[in-house]
Protein backbone atom coordinates (compact mmCIF):
# COMPACT_ATOMS: atom_id res chain seq x y z
CA MET A 1 -77.36 28.02 32.70
CA ILE A 2 -81.21 27.77 32.18
CA ALA A 3 -82.52 25.24 34.43
CA ASP A 4 -84.75 22.72 33.52
CA PRO A 5 -88.27 22.94 34.53
CA THR A 6 -89.02 19.20 34.90
CA GLY A 7 -85.73 18.88 37.20
CA GLN A 8 -82.96 16.28 36.72
CA ARG A 9 -83.88 13.78 34.29
CA PHE A 10 -82.99 9.92 35.08
CA HIS A 11 -82.26 7.52 32.14
CA LEU A 12 -82.79 3.74 32.11
CA ARG A 13 -81.04 1.82 29.13
CA GLY A 14 -81.25 -1.70 28.07
CA PRO A 15 -80.45 -3.67 24.70
CA HIS A 16 -84.33 -3.00 23.39
CA SER A 17 -85.68 -0.33 25.31
CA SER A 18 -85.35 2.94 27.40
CA ALA A 19 -87.13 5.23 29.41
CA GLU A 20 -86.48 8.46 30.95
CA ILE A 21 -88.26 9.78 33.91
CA THR A 22 -88.18 13.08 35.46
CA GLN A 23 -87.29 14.31 38.93
CA VAL A 24 -90.45 16.74 38.81
CA GLY A 25 -93.82 14.81 39.40
CA ALA A 26 -91.54 11.61 38.88
CA ALA A 27 -93.16 11.87 35.47
CA LEU A 28 -92.35 9.20 32.63
CA ARG A 29 -91.29 11.29 29.94
CA ALA A 30 -89.90 9.28 27.48
CA LEU A 31 -90.24 5.44 26.56
CA THR A 32 -88.48 3.45 23.63
CA VAL A 33 -89.04 0.25 22.63
CA ASP A 34 -87.03 -1.31 19.47
CA GLY A 35 -86.93 2.38 18.39
CA VAL A 36 -90.23 3.10 18.64
CA ASP A 37 -91.20 6.03 20.80
CA LEU A 38 -94.23 5.28 22.79
CA VAL A 39 -94.76 9.03 24.80
CA PRO A 40 -95.00 11.77 22.82
CA PRO A 41 -92.31 14.41 22.98
CA TYR A 42 -92.60 17.78 24.52
CA PRO A 43 -90.06 20.99 24.25
CA ASP A 44 -86.66 20.83 26.51
CA ASP A 45 -87.54 24.12 28.15
CA ALA A 46 -91.52 23.33 29.04
CA PRO A 47 -92.97 22.59 32.50
CA THR A 48 -94.47 18.83 32.15
CA PRO A 49 -97.35 19.76 29.67
CA ALA A 50 -101.18 18.47 30.92
CA ALA A 51 -99.41 16.53 33.81
CA SER A 52 -98.16 14.38 31.09
CA GLY A 53 -96.39 11.14 32.88
CA VAL A 54 -97.06 12.51 36.49
CA VAL A 55 -98.03 10.63 39.62
CA LEU A 56 -100.91 11.70 41.41
CA VAL A 57 -100.90 11.39 45.09
CA PRO A 58 -102.69 11.67 47.61
CA TRP A 59 -105.45 11.94 44.75
CA PRO A 60 -105.83 11.88 41.06
CA ASN A 61 -108.34 13.87 39.16
CA ARG A 62 -109.99 16.80 40.96
CA ILE A 63 -112.24 17.39 44.29
CA ARG A 64 -115.32 19.70 44.19
CA ASP A 65 -114.10 23.37 45.80
CA GLY A 66 -111.05 21.43 47.22
CA ARG A 67 -113.45 20.39 50.01
CA TYR A 68 -114.11 17.31 52.21
CA THR A 69 -114.57 15.80 55.41
CA PHE A 70 -112.72 13.22 56.70
CA ALA A 71 -112.81 11.58 60.62
CA GLY A 72 -115.04 14.23 61.35
CA ASP A 73 -113.07 17.41 60.06
CA ASP A 74 -114.13 19.67 57.41
CA LEU A 75 -110.84 20.51 55.44
CA GLN A 76 -110.01 22.92 52.51
CA LEU A 77 -107.53 22.12 50.14
CA ALA A 78 -106.13 24.80 48.19
CA ILE A 79 -107.67 25.64 44.56
CA SER A 80 -105.26 24.34 41.88
CA GLU A 81 -107.48 24.86 38.93
CA PRO A 82 -109.04 28.30 39.41
CA LYS A 83 -110.80 28.28 36.05
CA PHE A 84 -113.36 25.38 37.64
CA GLY A 85 -112.33 25.52 41.58
CA ASN A 86 -111.17 22.50 42.23
CA ALA A 87 -108.35 20.81 43.57
CA SER A 88 -106.31 19.03 40.97
CA HIS A 89 -104.21 16.03 40.65
CA GLY A 90 -102.97 15.46 44.58
CA LEU A 91 -100.16 17.52 45.92
CA LEU A 92 -96.71 16.14 44.61
CA ARG A 93 -97.75 16.74 40.62
CA PHE A 94 -94.86 19.89 41.04
CA GLY A 95 -93.05 18.12 43.72
CA THR A 96 -89.22 17.46 43.91
CA TYR A 97 -88.37 14.12 44.09
CA GLN A 98 -85.04 12.72 44.62
CA SER A 99 -83.00 9.48 43.42
CA LEU A 100 -82.99 6.71 46.47
CA GLU A 101 -81.48 3.85 43.78
CA HIS A 102 -80.48 3.85 40.34
CA ASP A 103 -79.12 1.94 37.63
CA ASP A 104 -78.99 0.84 34.19
CA GLU A 105 -82.52 -0.41 34.45
CA ARG A 106 -83.98 0.68 37.61
CA LEU A 107 -84.98 3.77 39.46
CA VAL A 108 -86.40 4.35 43.05
CA LEU A 109 -88.08 7.87 43.56
CA GLY A 110 -89.10 9.24 46.90
CA ALA A 111 -90.87 12.16 48.06
CA ASP A 112 -92.72 13.09 51.06
CA VAL A 113 -96.51 14.46 51.11
CA VAL A 114 -96.08 16.63 54.00
CA PRO A 115 -98.95 18.10 56.47
CA GLN A 116 -100.13 21.42 54.91
CA THR A 117 -103.25 23.49 53.86
CA GLY A 118 -106.25 21.19 53.67
CA TYR A 119 -103.84 17.67 54.13
CA PRO A 120 -102.61 17.67 57.73
CA PHE A 121 -101.44 13.88 57.43
CA HIS A 122 -98.00 12.96 56.64
CA LEU A 123 -97.36 10.32 53.52
CA ARG A 124 -93.88 8.75 52.27
CA THR A 125 -94.04 7.67 48.72
CA ARG A 126 -91.45 5.71 46.35
CA VAL A 127 -92.08 5.15 42.96
CA THR A 128 -89.67 2.30 41.19
CA TYR A 129 -89.52 2.26 37.71
CA THR A 130 -87.83 -0.83 36.10
CA LEU A 131 -87.17 -1.51 32.61
CA ARG A 132 -88.23 -4.64 30.52
CA HIS A 133 -86.91 -5.61 27.35
CA ASP A 134 -90.61 -4.85 25.94
CA GLY A 135 -91.15 -1.90 28.09
CA LEU A 136 -91.73 -0.94 31.38
CA HIS A 137 -92.58 -2.15 35.12
CA VAL A 138 -93.97 0.53 37.95
CA ALA A 139 -94.41 0.13 41.45
CA HIS A 140 -96.09 2.46 43.96
CA ARG A 141 -95.37 2.60 47.58
CA VAL A 142 -97.57 4.52 49.96
CA GLU A 143 -96.80 4.75 53.49
CA ASN A 144 -98.22 6.77 56.21
CA ILE A 145 -95.71 7.76 58.69
CA GLY A 146 -98.10 10.51 60.46
CA ALA A 147 -99.97 10.12 63.84
CA ARG A 148 -103.54 10.09 62.01
CA THR A 149 -105.45 7.91 59.66
CA ALA A 150 -105.21 9.36 56.11
CA PRO A 151 -107.43 9.64 53.05
CA VAL A 152 -104.96 8.18 50.23
CA ALA A 153 -105.99 7.64 46.45
CA LEU A 154 -103.12 7.15 43.83
CA GLY A 155 -102.99 8.02 40.17
CA VAL A 156 -100.85 8.10 37.30
CA HIS A 157 -101.08 9.88 33.80
CA PRO A 158 -99.35 8.60 31.17
CA TYR A 159 -99.68 9.55 27.45
CA LEU A 160 -99.37 7.00 25.10
CA GLN A 161 -98.29 6.76 21.34
CA ILE A 162 -96.72 4.44 18.53
CA GLY A 163 -94.39 6.44 17.28
CA GLY A 164 -94.47 7.28 13.23
CA VAL A 165 -98.65 6.26 13.28
CA PRO A 166 -100.98 9.41 13.88
CA THR A 167 -102.65 9.13 17.04
CA GLU A 168 -106.16 9.66 15.45
CA ASP A 169 -105.58 6.37 13.23
CA LEU A 170 -104.79 4.34 16.78
CA VAL A 171 -107.60 2.22 18.03
CA VAL A 172 -108.12 2.41 21.71
CA ALA A 173 -109.80 -0.85 23.34
CA SER A 174 -110.85 -1.18 27.20
CA THR A 175 -113.04 -3.11 29.17
CA GLY A 176 -114.93 -0.93 31.65
CA THR A 177 -118.60 -1.17 32.06
CA THR A 178 -119.51 2.23 33.51
CA THR A 179 -118.49 5.35 32.90
CA LEU A 180 -118.92 9.05 35.22
CA VAL A 181 -121.02 11.46 33.73
CA LEU A 182 -119.35 15.01 34.55
CA ASP A 183 -120.49 18.43 34.96
CA GLU A 184 -119.59 21.64 33.53
CA ARG A 185 -116.43 21.61 36.26
CA ASN A 186 -115.20 18.12 35.23
CA ILE A 187 -116.82 16.48 38.52
CA PRO A 188 -118.52 13.35 38.28
CA VAL A 189 -122.70 13.83 39.02
CA ASP A 190 -123.46 10.08 38.16
CA GLU A 191 -122.27 6.81 37.03
CA VAL A 192 -124.19 5.01 33.92
CA PRO A 193 -123.53 2.27 31.75
CA VAL A 194 -121.17 2.68 28.74
CA SER A 195 -123.00 4.02 25.35
CA ALA A 196 -121.69 3.85 22.01
CA ALA A 197 -120.10 6.77 22.08
CA ASN A 198 -117.47 5.70 24.95
CA ASP A 199 -117.89 1.91 25.13
CA LEU A 200 -114.05 1.02 24.42
CA ARG A 201 -115.15 -3.05 24.54
CA GLY A 202 -114.70 -3.16 20.91
CA GLY A 203 -112.40 -0.65 20.22
CA GLN A 204 -112.75 3.09 18.93
CA ARG A 205 -110.46 4.92 16.39
CA LEU A 206 -109.24 7.97 18.48
CA GLY A 207 -109.63 9.99 15.78
CA ASP A 208 -113.60 8.95 15.71
CA ALA A 209 -113.61 9.70 19.54
CA SER A 210 -113.69 12.39 22.09
CA LEU A 211 -112.93 10.89 25.28
CA ASP A 212 -112.62 12.35 29.03
CA ASN A 213 -113.76 9.21 30.77
CA GLY A 214 -113.39 7.79 33.89
CA TYR A 215 -114.21 3.78 33.92
CA ARG A 216 -115.23 1.16 35.88
CA GLY A 217 -115.84 -2.62 36.05
CA LEU A 218 -112.83 -3.44 34.48
CA GLU A 219 -112.12 -6.99 33.45
CA GLN A 220 -109.18 -8.44 34.85
CA ASP A 221 -107.19 -11.37 33.48
CA ALA A 222 -106.22 -14.60 35.41
CA ASP A 223 -103.57 -12.33 37.00
CA GLY A 224 -105.46 -9.99 38.03
CA ARG A 225 -104.57 -7.31 35.85
CA ALA A 226 -106.89 -5.27 33.85
CA ARG A 227 -105.31 -4.14 30.30
CA HIS A 228 -105.99 -1.22 27.91
CA THR A 229 -104.66 -0.99 24.25
CA LEU A 230 -103.79 1.00 21.48
CA THR A 231 -103.38 -0.79 18.34
CA ALA A 232 -101.89 0.61 14.93
CA PRO A 233 -103.25 -0.34 11.45
CA ASP A 234 -100.53 -2.54 10.73
CA GLY A 235 -101.33 -4.61 13.99
CA ARG A 236 -98.55 -3.28 16.28
CA ARG A 237 -99.63 -2.73 19.55
CA LEU A 238 -99.26 -1.14 22.83
CA GLU A 239 -100.44 -2.67 26.13
CA LEU A 240 -101.06 -0.70 29.60
CA TRP A 241 -102.11 -3.17 32.34
CA GLN A 242 -102.82 -2.20 36.05
CA ASP A 243 -103.19 -4.32 38.94
CA GLU A 244 -106.41 -5.04 40.84
CA GLY A 245 -105.61 -2.23 43.37
CA PHE A 246 -106.12 0.39 40.19
CA ARG A 247 -110.06 -0.19 40.46
CA TRP A 248 -110.59 2.78 37.76
CA VAL A 249 -108.94 3.81 34.17
CA GLN A 250 -109.47 7.67 33.15
CA VAL A 251 -108.95 7.57 29.24
CA PHE A 252 -108.27 11.05 27.75
CA THR A 253 -107.98 12.93 24.54
CA THR A 254 -106.85 16.29 23.90
CA ASP A 255 -105.61 18.45 20.88
CA ARG A 256 -103.71 20.66 23.68
CA TYR A 257 -100.56 18.58 23.81
CA PRO A 258 -97.65 20.28 22.23
CA GLY A 259 -96.53 19.43 18.91
CA GLN A 260 -99.42 16.84 18.89
CA PRO A 261 -102.77 17.39 16.71
CA LEU A 262 -103.92 14.48 18.94
CA ALA A 263 -102.83 12.71 22.28
CA VAL A 264 -104.47 10.31 24.49
CA ALA A 265 -103.72 9.56 27.99
CA ILE A 266 -104.34 6.42 30.04
CA GLU A 267 -104.58 6.91 33.38
CA PRO A 268 -104.94 4.16 36.18
CA MET A 269 -106.54 5.31 39.41
CA THR A 270 -107.28 3.85 42.58
CA ALA A 271 -110.07 5.72 42.89
CA PRO A 272 -112.51 8.43 40.71
CA ALA A 273 -112.61 11.81 40.48
CA ASN A 274 -113.68 13.72 43.95
CA ALA A 275 -113.06 10.45 45.80
CA PHE A 276 -112.23 12.62 48.79
CA ALA A 277 -115.88 13.95 48.84
CA THR A 278 -117.58 10.90 47.67
CA GLY A 279 -115.42 8.31 49.76
CA THR A 280 -116.08 6.00 46.92
CA ASP A 281 -113.16 3.29 46.93
CA LEU A 282 -111.23 5.67 49.05
CA ASP A 283 -108.35 4.36 51.12
CA ALA A 284 -107.78 5.17 55.11
CA LEU A 285 -104.56 4.16 55.51
CA GLN A 286 -103.45 3.93 59.03
CA PRO A 287 -100.76 5.05 60.69
CA GLY A 288 -97.74 3.07 59.81
CA ALA A 289 -99.74 0.98 57.12
CA THR A 290 -98.78 1.00 53.21
CA LEU A 291 -100.58 1.18 49.92
CA SER A 292 -98.78 -0.58 47.01
CA ARG A 293 -99.57 -0.43 43.21
CA GLU A 294 -98.20 -1.99 40.25
CA TRP A 295 -98.93 -1.13 36.62
CA GLY A 296 -96.94 -1.09 33.05
CA ILE A 297 -96.55 -0.92 29.68
CA ARG A 298 -95.45 -3.61 27.21
CA PHE A 299 -95.31 -3.40 23.57
CA SER A 300 -95.43 -5.90 20.64
């Protein structure tokens, strides 16, 4: 028997919706509402491609050279993106989570970030997926169970679609007012106001855009949530929302997702790329303290 490279798959099922989450990376592998697939599939025998749906902790995106200074200590992380010499997408991207609670419409997964090369801190993480009739609610809890204050940032990497509609025909909208300028290693070197090429406030057709942008200045609604949408030509809409603790969002398009001429990821982040080095929006989590964040997906 050949093992599934994404580990055990956990299924949630309701009258109008269903979801599939993988053990490796606690990744959202599938989400369906009223028969419409909202996450692009990938082959059963393939590892999770392009961080699809993965939880990114204790940092999202990249750290230049894997180097940072925290509490007076110079630290060196393992280089997990050799092409550009960066530490990429945290320490649990390929981690194996354990199921702590599971019923038809709710799943709690847990994994520890243990002290290791470049990260001598100990975190206990929990991810709770709750199925809704029109989508999914996701709650994250990160607890510092070590003896030292720890640098912590959190992100998620869901790829999204509206099944049956070519992704290039979807219109993406988001409210960010500034975006990061990246160098040749995908590390931010500046933050500037959005321009015509990357301003998503009025919406852009994905087939006409090329995006790998981290956005800040997100508009929050009365409930404290920022919202991003994908809209089909027939008016159907997928909404991804994130709570006020997710201060950033990365919008990324690629032609390298298996079986998809174009794919789009909308990635809530508490801090931007290279935050361990710059300190931008980085949380310093004291021993015994907890970081809690929420986001979700709705389809209408």
